[in-house]
Amino acid sequence: MKPLQVGSAAALFAFTFFSVMLNLSGPGWLGWYEMSEKGQKIEATITQIQPENHQRCYFRYSIAGRNLDGTGDGCADLGVNGKLLVIYLPGDPKFVTTRNPNEELALTIIVPLLFSIIAGVIVALRQFRKIDVHPIRY
């Protein structure tokens, strides 16, 4: 196989691997897409903070009289009993975020893509190094 073919195959494998891992470890592309399209904003009350842990906050929000809990990063500076807007998915009210769903969707696509490009380039370069480019001298 030619180095570019090997690099392309490696990139495709890496993209598949990283995509599967990201989609299995969290909401994934479909979850963030659905959140960006159907997500509803609601006010939540901070119940606990952990400023030393990425400014994490724990919050409570109510949907149809049912109290639900969630966590978010970057909101500890609001303090306990502080208010913040969160976005939840009406079909799955426990899926809640303090982050922008569009940005999360973009990240879950861009990160595997970048890693796969880097992997493909590295593999292709290694294959190019294996090719003997010295002319034969008689």
N, C-alpha and C. Protein backbone atom coordinates (compact mmCIF):
# COMPACT_ATOMS: atom_id res chain seq x y z
N MET A 1 0.83 -1.19 0.00
CA MET A 1 0.00 0.00 0.00
C MET A 1 0.88 1.25 0.00
N LYS A 2 0.38 2.28 -0.59
CA LYS A 2 1.09 3.55 -0.63
C LYS A 2 0.94 4.25 0.72
N PRO A 3 1.92 5.09 1.07
CA PRO A 3 1.87 5.78 2.37
C PRO A 3 0.59 6.58 2.60
N LEU A 4 0.08 7.25 1.57
CA LEU A 4 -1.14 8.03 1.75
C LEU A 4 -2.35 7.14 1.99
N GLN A 5 -2.35 5.97 1.36
CA GLN A 5 -3.45 5.03 1.60
C GLN A 5 -3.40 4.49 3.03
N VAL A 6 -2.21 4.18 3.49
CA VAL A 6 -2.05 3.69 4.86
C VAL A 6 -2.45 4.79 5.85
N GLY A 7 -2.00 6.02 5.58
CA GLY A 7 -2.36 7.15 6.45
C GLY A 7 -3.86 7.39 6.47
N SER A 8 -4.49 7.29 5.30
CA SER A 8 -5.95 7.47 5.23
C SER A 8 -6.68 6.38 6.00
N ALA A 9 -6.21 5.16 5.86
CA ALA A 9 -6.82 4.05 6.59
C ALA A 9 -6.67 4.26 8.10
N ALA A 10 -5.49 4.71 8.52
CA ALA A 10 -5.26 4.98 9.94
C ALA A 10 -6.17 6.10 10.43
N ALA A 11 -6.33 7.14 9.62
CA ALA A 11 -7.19 8.26 10.00
C ALA A 11 -8.64 7.80 10.14
N LEU A 12 -9.09 6.97 9.21
CA LEU A 12 -10.46 6.45 9.27
C LEU A 12 -10.65 5.58 10.51
N PHE A 13 -9.67 4.74 10.80
CA PHE A 13 -9.75 3.91 12.01
C PHE A 13 -9.79 4.78 13.26
N ALA A 14 -8.89 5.79 13.32
CA ALA A 14 -8.83 6.67 14.49
C ALA A 14 -10.13 7.44 14.66
N PHE A 15 -10.70 7.94 13.55
CA PHE A 15 -11.95 8.68 13.64
C PHE A 15 -13.07 7.78 14.17
N THR A 16 -13.12 6.57 13.67
CA THR A 16 -14.14 5.62 14.14
C THR A 16 -13.95 5.32 15.62
N PHE A 17 -12.71 5.05 16.01
CA PHE A 17 -12.41 4.74 17.41
C PHE A 17 -12.80 5.90 18.34
N PHE A 18 -12.30 7.11 18.04
CA PHE A 18 -12.57 8.26 18.91
C PHE A 18 -14.05 8.62 18.92
N SER A 19 -14.72 8.49 17.78
CA SER A 19 -16.14 8.79 17.72
C SER A 19 -16.94 7.82 18.58
N VAL A 20 -16.63 6.55 18.47
CA VAL A 20 -17.34 5.55 19.28
C VAL A 20 -17.09 5.81 20.76
N MET A 21 -15.85 6.08 21.14
CA MET A 21 -15.53 6.32 22.55
C MET A 21 -16.28 7.55 23.09
N LEU A 22 -16.28 8.64 22.32
CA LEU A 22 -16.99 9.84 22.77
C LEU A 22 -18.49 9.61 22.86
N ASN A 23 -19.04 8.88 21.92
CA ASN A 23 -20.47 8.66 21.92
C ASN A 23 -20.91 7.67 22.99
N LEU A 24 -20.03 6.75 23.38
CA LEU A 24 -20.37 5.81 24.43
C LEU A 24 -20.17 6.40 25.83
N SER A 25 -19.28 7.36 25.95
CA SER A 25 -18.96 7.90 27.27
C SER A 25 -19.85 9.06 27.69
N GLY A 26 -20.75 9.49 26.85
CA GLY A 26 -21.62 10.62 27.19
C GLY A 26 -22.80 10.68 26.25
N PRO A 27 -23.43 11.82 26.18
CA PRO A 27 -24.62 11.95 25.33
C PRO A 27 -24.34 11.74 23.85
N GLY A 28 -23.15 12.06 23.39
CA GLY A 28 -22.80 11.84 22.00
C GLY A 28 -23.43 12.84 21.05
N TRP A 29 -23.17 12.60 19.77
CA TRP A 29 -23.63 13.53 18.73
C TRP A 29 -25.14 13.69 18.74
N LEU A 30 -25.85 12.58 18.77
CA LEU A 30 -27.31 12.65 18.70
C LEU A 30 -27.91 13.34 19.92
N GLY A 31 -27.36 13.05 21.09
CA GLY A 31 -27.86 13.68 22.31
C GLY A 31 -27.66 15.18 22.29
N TRP A 32 -26.46 15.63 21.90
CA TRP A 32 -26.20 17.07 21.86
C TRP A 32 -26.97 17.75 20.74
N TYR A 33 -27.16 17.04 19.63
CA TYR A 33 -27.97 17.61 18.55
C TYR A 33 -29.41 17.80 19.01
N GLU A 34 -29.95 16.77 19.65
CA GLU A 34 -31.32 16.87 20.15
C GLU A 34 -31.44 17.98 21.20
N MET A 35 -30.44 18.08 22.06
CA MET A 35 -30.44 19.14 23.09
C MET A 35 -30.40 20.52 22.43
N SER A 36 -29.60 20.66 21.37
CA SER A 36 -29.49 21.96 20.71
C SER A 36 -30.79 22.33 19.98
N GLU A 37 -31.53 21.34 19.53
CA GLU A 37 -32.78 21.59 18.81
C GLU A 37 -34.00 21.71 19.72
N LYS A 38 -34.06 20.87 20.76
CA LYS A 38 -35.27 20.79 21.57
C LYS A 38 -35.08 21.20 23.03
N GLY A 39 -33.86 21.54 23.40
CA GLY A 39 -33.57 21.87 24.79
C GLY A 39 -34.38 23.06 25.29
N GLN A 40 -34.81 22.99 26.54
CA GLN A 40 -35.58 24.06 27.17
C GLN A 40 -34.78 24.66 28.33
N LYS A 41 -34.83 25.97 28.42
CA LYS A 41 -34.14 26.65 29.53
C LYS A 41 -35.06 26.72 30.74
N ILE A 42 -34.42 26.55 31.90
CA ILE A 42 -35.15 26.63 33.15
C ILE A 42 -34.19 27.14 34.23
N GLU A 43 -34.74 27.81 35.21
CA GLU A 43 -33.90 28.33 36.30
C GLU A 43 -33.65 27.23 37.32
N ALA A 44 -32.41 27.17 37.79
CA ALA A 44 -32.01 26.20 38.80
C ALA A 44 -31.41 26.94 39.98
N THR A 45 -31.43 26.29 41.13
CA THR A 45 -30.85 26.85 42.35
C THR A 45 -29.64 26.01 42.75
N ILE A 46 -28.53 26.68 43.00
CA ILE A 46 -27.30 25.99 43.40
C ILE A 46 -27.44 25.50 44.83
N THR A 47 -27.15 24.21 45.03
CA THR A 47 -27.29 23.60 46.35
C THR A 47 -25.95 23.32 47.02
N GLN A 48 -24.90 23.23 46.21
CA GLN A 48 -23.58 22.93 46.76
C GLN A 48 -22.54 23.40 45.73
N ILE A 49 -21.37 23.82 46.23
CA ILE A 49 -20.30 24.24 45.31
C ILE A 49 -19.00 23.52 45.66
N GLN A 50 -18.17 23.37 44.63
CA GLN A 50 -16.81 22.84 44.79
C GLN A 50 -15.88 23.71 43.96
N PRO A 51 -15.50 24.86 44.49
CA PRO A 51 -14.67 25.78 43.69
C PRO A 51 -13.33 25.19 43.29
N GLU A 52 -12.80 24.26 44.07
CA GLU A 52 -11.50 23.67 43.77
C GLU A 52 -11.58 22.63 42.64
N ASN A 53 -12.77 22.24 42.26
CA ASN A 53 -12.97 21.21 41.24
C ASN A 53 -13.64 21.84 40.00
N HIS A 54 -12.87 22.58 39.23
CA HIS A 54 -13.36 23.23 38.01
C HIS A 54 -14.54 24.17 38.27
N GLN A 55 -14.56 24.78 39.44
CA GLN A 55 -15.66 25.69 39.81
C GLN A 55 -17.01 24.97 39.71
N ARG A 56 -17.03 23.71 40.09
CA ARG A 56 -18.24 22.88 39.96
C ARG A 56 -19.34 23.34 40.92
N CYS A 57 -20.56 23.24 40.43
CA CYS A 57 -21.71 23.49 41.29
C CYS A 57 -22.72 22.37 41.10
N TYR A 58 -23.46 22.11 42.14
CA TYR A 58 -24.56 21.16 42.11
C TYR A 58 -25.83 21.99 42.22
N PHE A 59 -26.81 21.65 41.42
CA PHE A 59 -28.02 22.48 41.41
C PHE A 59 -29.27 21.62 41.38
N ARG A 60 -30.39 22.25 41.72
CA ARG A 60 -31.69 21.60 41.71
C ARG A 60 -32.62 22.42 40.84
N TYR A 61 -33.43 21.70 40.05
CA TYR A 61 -34.42 22.36 39.21
C TYR A 61 -35.69 21.52 39.26
N SER A 62 -36.82 22.15 38.95
CA SER A 62 -38.10 21.46 39.02
C SER A 62 -38.78 21.45 37.67
N ILE A 63 -39.28 20.28 37.30
CA ILE A 63 -40.04 20.13 36.07
C ILE A 63 -41.33 19.39 36.43
N ALA A 64 -42.45 20.02 36.15
CA ALA A 64 -43.78 19.44 36.43
C ALA A 64 -43.87 18.99 37.89
N GLY A 65 -43.37 19.81 38.80
CA GLY A 65 -43.46 19.51 40.22
C GLY A 65 -42.47 18.46 40.71
N ARG A 66 -41.60 18.01 39.85
CA ARG A 66 -40.62 16.99 40.21
C ARG A 66 -39.24 17.64 40.33
N ASN A 67 -38.61 17.51 41.49
CA ASN A 67 -37.27 18.05 41.71
C ASN A 67 -36.22 17.12 41.12
N LEU A 68 -35.32 17.72 40.36
CA LEU A 68 -34.21 16.98 39.76
C LEU A 68 -32.91 17.69 40.10
N ASP A 69 -31.82 16.93 40.12
CA ASP A 69 -30.50 17.48 40.45
C ASP A 69 -29.57 17.34 39.28
N GLY A 70 -28.62 18.28 39.18
CA GLY A 70 -27.62 18.24 38.14
C GLY A 70 -26.33 18.87 38.61
N THR A 71 -25.30 18.78 37.79
CA THR A 71 -24.02 19.40 38.09
C THR A 71 -23.56 20.19 36.88
N GLY A 72 -22.72 21.16 37.16
CA GLY A 72 -22.15 21.96 36.09
C GLY A 72 -20.81 22.52 36.53
N ASP A 73 -19.98 22.87 35.57
CA ASP A 73 -18.68 23.47 35.87
C ASP A 73 -18.71 24.95 35.54
N GLY A 74 -17.90 25.71 36.30
CA GLY A 74 -17.78 27.13 36.04
C GLY A 74 -18.85 27.99 36.69
N CYS A 75 -19.61 27.42 37.61
CA CYS A 75 -20.71 28.18 38.20
C CYS A 75 -20.61 28.32 39.72
N ALA A 76 -19.52 27.85 40.32
CA ALA A 76 -19.39 27.91 41.77
C ALA A 76 -19.33 29.34 42.29
N ASP A 77 -18.88 30.27 41.44
CA ASP A 77 -18.78 31.67 41.89
C ASP A 77 -20.14 32.28 42.18
N LEU A 78 -21.24 31.65 41.75
CA LEU A 78 -22.58 32.15 42.06
C LEU A 78 -22.97 31.85 43.50
N GLY A 79 -22.30 30.90 44.12
CA GLY A 79 -22.53 30.57 45.52
C GLY A 79 -23.77 29.72 45.75
N VAL A 80 -23.84 29.15 46.95
CA VAL A 80 -25.00 28.35 47.33
C VAL A 80 -26.23 29.25 47.35
N ASN A 81 -27.33 28.73 46.87
CA ASN A 81 -28.61 29.43 46.69
C ASN A 81 -28.60 30.41 45.53
N GLY A 82 -27.49 30.46 44.79
CA GLY A 82 -27.45 31.29 43.59
C GLY A 82 -28.32 30.68 42.50
N LYS A 83 -28.75 31.51 41.58
CA LYS A 83 -29.61 31.05 40.48
C LYS A 83 -28.83 31.02 39.18
N LEU A 84 -29.14 30.03 38.34
CA LEU A 84 -28.53 29.97 37.03
C LEU A 84 -29.51 29.32 36.06
N LEU A 85 -29.34 29.62 34.78
CA LEU A 85 -30.15 29.00 33.75
C LEU A 85 -29.48 27.72 33.28
N VAL A 86 -30.25 26.65 33.24
CA VAL A 86 -29.76 25.39 32.71
C VAL A 86 -30.66 24.99 31.54
N ILE A 87 -30.16 24.08 30.74
CA ILE A 87 -30.92 23.60 29.59
C ILE A 87 -31.15 22.10 29.79
N TYR A 88 -32.41 21.69 29.68
CA TYR A 88 -32.74 20.27 29.83
C TYR A 88 -33.46 19.78 28.58
N LEU A 89 -33.47 18.49 28.42
CA LEU A 89 -34.14 17.88 27.28
C LEU A 89 -35.52 17.41 27.74
N PRO A 90 -36.59 17.95 27.15
CA PRO A 90 -37.94 17.57 27.59
C PRO A 90 -38.21 16.06 27.55
N GLY A 91 -37.67 15.36 26.57
CA GLY A 91 -37.86 13.92 26.48
C GLY A 91 -37.08 13.14 27.53
N ASP A 92 -36.04 13.77 28.09
CA ASP A 92 -35.21 13.15 29.12
C ASP A 92 -34.77 14.25 30.08
N PRO A 93 -35.67 14.65 31.01
CA PRO A 93 -35.38 15.80 31.89
C PRO A 93 -34.13 15.67 32.75
N LYS A 94 -33.62 14.46 32.91
CA LYS A 94 -32.38 14.29 33.68
C LYS A 94 -31.16 14.70 32.89
N PHE A 95 -31.30 14.79 31.56
CA PHE A 95 -30.21 15.28 30.70
C PHE A 95 -30.26 16.80 30.75
N VAL A 96 -29.34 17.36 31.53
CA VAL A 96 -29.33 18.80 31.78
C VAL A 96 -27.90 19.31 31.67
N THR A 97 -27.75 20.55 31.25
CA THR A 97 -26.41 21.12 31.10
C THR A 97 -26.42 22.61 31.41
N THR A 98 -25.26 23.08 31.82
CA THR A 98 -25.06 24.53 31.98
C THR A 98 -24.32 25.08 30.77
N ARG A 99 -23.88 24.18 29.89
CA ARG A 99 -23.08 24.56 28.72
C ARG A 99 -23.95 24.78 27.49
N ASN A 100 -23.36 25.36 26.47
CA ASN A 100 -24.05 25.59 25.21
C ASN A 100 -24.09 24.28 24.42
N PRO A 101 -25.28 23.74 24.14
CA PRO A 101 -25.36 22.46 23.43
C PRO A 101 -24.74 22.50 22.02
N ASN A 102 -24.82 23.63 21.35
CA ASN A 102 -24.22 23.74 20.02
C ASN A 102 -22.70 23.59 20.09
N GLU A 103 -22.09 24.20 21.09
CA GLU A 103 -20.64 24.08 21.26
C GLU A 103 -20.25 22.64 21.63
N GLU A 104 -21.05 22.00 22.46
CA GLU A 104 -20.76 20.61 22.83
C GLU A 104 -20.89 19.68 21.62
N LEU A 105 -21.90 19.94 20.78
CA LEU A 105 -22.07 19.15 19.56
C LEU A 105 -20.85 19.32 18.66
N ALA A 106 -20.43 20.56 18.48
CA ALA A 106 -19.26 20.83 17.63
C ALA A 106 -18.01 20.13 18.19
N LEU A 107 -17.83 20.17 19.50
CA LEU A 107 -16.66 19.53 20.11
C LEU A 107 -16.67 18.01 19.91
N THR A 108 -17.85 17.39 20.03
CA THR A 108 -17.90 15.94 19.88
C THR A 108 -17.65 15.50 18.44
N ILE A 109 -17.71 16.43 17.51
CA ILE A 109 -17.39 16.12 16.11
C ILE A 109 -15.95 16.52 15.79
N ILE A 110 -15.55 17.71 16.23
CA ILE A 110 -14.22 18.24 15.89
C ILE A 110 -13.09 17.46 16.56
N VAL A 111 -13.25 17.09 17.82
CA VAL A 111 -12.17 16.40 18.54
C VAL A 111 -11.79 15.08 17.85
N PRO A 112 -12.74 14.18 17.55
CA PRO A 112 -12.33 12.96 16.84
C PRO A 112 -11.74 13.25 15.47
N LEU A 113 -12.27 14.26 14.80
CA LEU A 113 -11.76 14.60 13.48
C LEU A 113 -10.30 15.05 13.55
N LEU A 114 -9.99 15.93 14.51
CA LEU A 114 -8.61 16.40 14.66
C LEU A 114 -7.67 15.26 15.04
N PHE A 115 -8.08 14.44 16.00
CA PHE A 115 -7.24 13.32 16.40
C PHE A 115 -6.99 12.36 15.23
N SER A 116 -8.02 12.14 14.42
CA SER A 116 -7.85 11.21 13.30
C SER A 116 -6.94 11.79 12.23
N ILE A 117 -7.02 13.09 11.99
CA ILE A 117 -6.11 13.72 11.02
C ILE A 117 -4.67 13.62 11.51
N ILE A 118 -4.45 13.90 12.78
CA ILE A 118 -3.11 13.80 13.35
C ILE A 118 -2.59 12.37 13.24
N ALA A 119 -3.43 11.39 13.58
CA ALA A 119 -3.02 9.98 13.50
C ALA A 119 -2.69 9.60 12.05
N GLY A 120 -3.52 10.04 11.11
CA GLY A 120 -3.28 9.73 9.69
C GLY A 120 -1.99 10.32 9.18
N VAL A 121 -1.70 11.56 9.57
CA VAL A 121 -0.46 12.22 9.13
C VAL A 121 0.76 11.51 9.72
N ILE A 122 0.69 11.16 10.99
CA ILE A 122 1.82 10.47 11.63
C ILE A 122 2.09 9.12 10.95
N VAL A 123 1.03 8.36 10.71
CA VAL A 123 1.21 7.05 10.06
C VAL A 123 1.74 7.22 8.65
N ALA A 124 1.22 8.18 7.89
CA ALA A 124 1.69 8.40 6.52
C ALA A 124 3.16 8.82 6.52
N LEU A 125 3.55 9.69 7.44
CA LEU A 125 4.96 10.11 7.51
C LEU A 125 5.87 8.94 7.84
N ARG A 126 5.42 8.08 8.73
CA ARG A 126 6.23 6.90 9.06
C ARG A 126 6.36 5.98 7.86
N GLN A 127 5.31 5.88 7.07
CA GLN A 127 5.38 5.04 5.87
C GLN A 127 6.31 5.65 4.82
N PHE A 128 6.28 6.98 4.69
CA PHE A 128 7.18 7.64 3.75
C PHE A 128 8.64 7.41 4.13
N ARG A 129 8.92 7.35 5.43
CA ARG A 129 10.29 7.11 5.88
C ARG A 129 10.79 5.72 5.53
N LYS A 130 9.86 4.79 5.39
CA LYS A 130 10.25 3.41 5.05
C LYS A 130 10.61 3.26 3.58
N ILE A 131 10.18 4.20 2.77
CA ILE A 131 10.46 4.12 1.33
C ILE A 131 11.89 4.55 1.08
N ASP A 132 12.61 3.76 0.33
CA ASP A 132 14.00 4.08 0.00
C ASP A 132 13.99 5.06 -1.17
N VAL A 133 14.38 6.28 -0.92
CA VAL A 133 14.36 7.32 -1.97
C VAL A 133 15.74 7.54 -2.60
N HIS A 134 16.71 6.76 -2.19
CA HIS A 134 18.06 6.92 -2.75
C HIS A 134 18.13 6.23 -4.13
N PRO A 135 18.65 6.91 -5.11
CA PRO A 135 18.77 6.28 -6.44
C PRO A 135 19.82 5.17 -6.41
N ILE A 136 19.63 4.22 -7.27
CA ILE A 136 20.58 3.11 -7.38
C ILE A 136 21.79 3.61 -8.19
N ARG A 137 22.98 3.37 -7.67
CA ARG A 137 24.20 3.80 -8.35
C ARG A 137 24.94 2.59 -8.85
N TYR A 138 25.39 2.69 -10.09
CA TYR A 138 26.14 1.59 -10.70
C TYR A 138 27.59 1.90 -10.78
